[in-house]
Every structure is written in structure tokens, then in C-alpha cells.
Protein backbone atom coordinates (compact mmCIF):
# COMPACT_ATOMS: atom_id res chain seq x y z
CA MET A 1 -0.08 -0.04 -0.21
CA LYS A 2 1.39 3.23 -0.92
CA PRO A 3 1.08 6.22 1.74
CA ILE A 4 -0.04 9.17 0.01
CA THR A 5 -3.65 9.09 -0.09
CA PRO A 6 -5.49 11.57 -2.64
CA ARG A 7 -6.26 14.00 0.08
CA VAL A 8 -2.40 14.13 1.17
CA HIS A 9 -1.78 14.41 -2.40
CA GLY A 10 -3.92 17.60 -2.83
CA VAL A 11 -1.99 19.18 0.13
CA ILE A 12 1.18 18.18 -1.58
CA ASP A 13 0.05 19.84 -5.13
CA TYR A 14 -1.20 23.00 -3.48
CA ALA A 15 2.12 23.34 -1.42
CA ALA A 16 4.18 22.44 -4.63
CA CYS A 17 2.50 25.41 -6.44
CA ALA A 18 3.18 27.97 -3.61
CA ALA A 19 6.90 26.54 -3.85
CA MET A 20 7.20 26.93 -7.54
CA LEU A 21 6.37 30.28 -7.32
CA ALA A 22 8.27 31.28 -4.07
CA ALA A 23 11.24 29.27 -5.10
CA PRO A 24 12.92 31.30 -7.78
CA ALA A 25 13.05 34.46 -5.65
CA LEU A 26 14.31 32.52 -2.77
CA LEU A 27 16.97 30.97 -5.10
CA HIS A 28 17.64 34.30 -7.03
CA LEU A 29 16.28 32.93 -10.22
CA LYS A 30 15.87 35.41 -13.07
CA GLY A 31 14.45 35.49 -16.37
CA GLY A 32 13.07 32.34 -18.18
CA ALA A 33 13.60 29.98 -15.51
CA ARG A 34 11.60 32.20 -13.06
CA THR A 35 8.87 32.64 -15.77
CA THR A 36 9.19 28.77 -16.51
CA SER A 37 8.78 27.93 -12.76
CA ALA A 38 5.69 30.11 -12.46
CA VAL A 39 4.33 28.30 -15.97
CA PHE A 40 4.43 25.15 -14.07
CA ALA A 41 2.84 26.30 -11.17
CA ALA A 42 0.08 27.72 -12.82
CA SER A 43 -0.78 24.56 -14.98
CA TYR A 44 -0.08 22.20 -11.64
CA LEU A 45 -2.76 24.89 -9.86
CA GLY A 46 -5.13 24.33 -12.71
CA VAL A 47 -5.01 20.55 -13.03
CA SER A 48 -5.08 20.19 -9.08
CA ALA A 49 -8.25 22.71 -8.66
CA LEU A 50 -9.90 20.30 -11.50
CA THR A 51 -9.00 17.03 -10.00
CA ASP A 52 -11.62 14.92 -8.20
CA TYR A 53 -9.96 14.61 -4.79
CA PRO A 54 -10.91 16.15 -1.89
CA LEU A 55 -9.13 19.43 -2.23
CA GLY A 56 -10.34 19.94 -6.08
CA LEU A 57 -12.52 22.73 -6.68
CA ARG A 58 -14.55 21.28 -9.70
CA HIS A 59 -14.13 17.56 -9.81
CA LEU A 60 -13.58 17.38 -13.68
CA ILE A 61 -10.24 15.18 -13.98
CA PRO A 62 -10.24 11.58 -12.55
CA PHE A 63 -7.59 11.15 -9.97
CA PRO A 64 -5.48 8.63 -11.78
CA VAL A 65 -5.64 10.72 -14.88
CA HIS A 66 -3.81 13.58 -12.67
CA GLY A 67 -1.52 11.27 -12.31
CA LYS A 68 -0.71 10.94 -15.79
CA ILE A 69 -0.62 14.37 -16.20
CA GLU A 70 1.74 14.91 -13.46
CA LEU A 71 4.05 12.13 -14.73
CA ALA A 72 4.06 13.54 -18.23
CA SER A 73 5.48 16.75 -16.83
CA VAL A 74 8.66 15.15 -15.84
CA PRO A 75 10.22 14.82 -19.02
CA ALA A 76 9.50 18.72 -19.67
CA LEU A 77 11.30 19.43 -16.64
CA LEU A 78 14.13 17.32 -17.35
CA LEU A 79 14.30 19.36 -20.84
CA VAL A 80 13.95 22.50 -19.07
CA ALA A 81 16.41 21.20 -16.71
CA ALA A 82 18.87 20.60 -19.57
CA LEU A 83 18.20 23.97 -21.30
CA GLN A 84 19.43 25.92 -18.32
CA LYS A 85 22.76 27.93 -18.31
CA GLY A 86 23.34 28.29 -14.73
CA ALA A 87 23.94 24.96 -12.14
CA ARG A 88 21.50 26.76 -9.74
CA LYS A 89 18.75 26.79 -12.32
CA ARG A 90 19.53 23.20 -13.55
CA VAL A 91 19.58 21.71 -10.03
CA TYR A 92 16.32 23.55 -9.16
CA PHE A 93 14.37 22.07 -12.25
CA LEU A 94 16.12 18.57 -11.80
CA ALA A 95 14.99 18.85 -8.04
CA LEU A 96 11.37 19.45 -9.27
CA ALA A 97 11.60 16.54 -11.52
CA GLY A 98 12.70 14.26 -8.69
CA THR A 99 10.02 15.68 -6.47
CA VAL A 100 7.16 14.66 -8.76
CA LEU A 101 8.54 11.23 -9.51
CA THR A 102 9.00 10.76 -5.85
CA VAL A 103 5.16 11.89 -4.99
CA TYR A 104 4.03 10.02 -8.07
CA SER A 105 5.83 6.67 -7.02
CA LEU A 106 4.42 7.13 -3.31
CA THR A 107 0.89 8.14 -4.18
CA ASP A 108 -1.84 5.64 -4.10
CA TRP A 109 -3.64 6.24 -7.61
CA GLN A 110 -6.25 3.66 -7.36
CA ALA A 111 -7.50 4.91 -3.81
CA ASP A 112 -10.88 6.32 -3.33
CA PRO A 113 -10.81 9.77 -4.30
CA GLU A 114 -12.63 11.09 -1.30
CA ALA A 115 -9.73 9.19 0.78
């Protein structure tokens, strides 16, 4: 059994969105890295708000589909990391990709969405 329930996953999602908005300023990332992080935050926020789980605002996206969308973002994060000129920017996006993979692998995607 995987330890992350849909409810806990929702908390993680919204916290990750806030982190993706705050981290670039805290890490002194500028320009495209800051914008790209904000775009990922906005996309994750939109998916989270529309997911059928306890913290979703409109339950339009089934929870397992939410997982597939998140997993599909990993290659994009890896590509963004590879395109970064500075090590700090590269490590930031690699860390985001690793975080998404970790949360994905620990989430029970077959759990009752109300759990």
C-alpha cells in the first residue's frame, strides 16, 4: 500500500504550487527560469483545482488521470533543466522533476478519491 492518499496528494500539490512560485525568488533565479517555474505552478494549480479529489474545486479530472498528467510533466522538467545555463537553475528543475517522480511513486492512484 502506498502512503500518499488523494487528500494528502492534494495538500502536496497546492504546497508545490506555492513553492514553485516562491522558490525562484528565494534562489535568486531570474528571467526564463522564474517564468518557467510560474508556468509550471499555474499548470499544476489548474490541474489540481480540476481534479476529483478532496481538495479539488471542480471534480472534472479523474484522480488517476491527474497522475498521468503529473508524470507527463517530468520529461518537460528534465528538458527545461537541460536547457538551463546556470547550475543553480539546472539543479532547481532537476529537483522539481525528482519531487514529482517521488510523489507520483508514493501516491495510491487507485484509492478512493475521497480518501
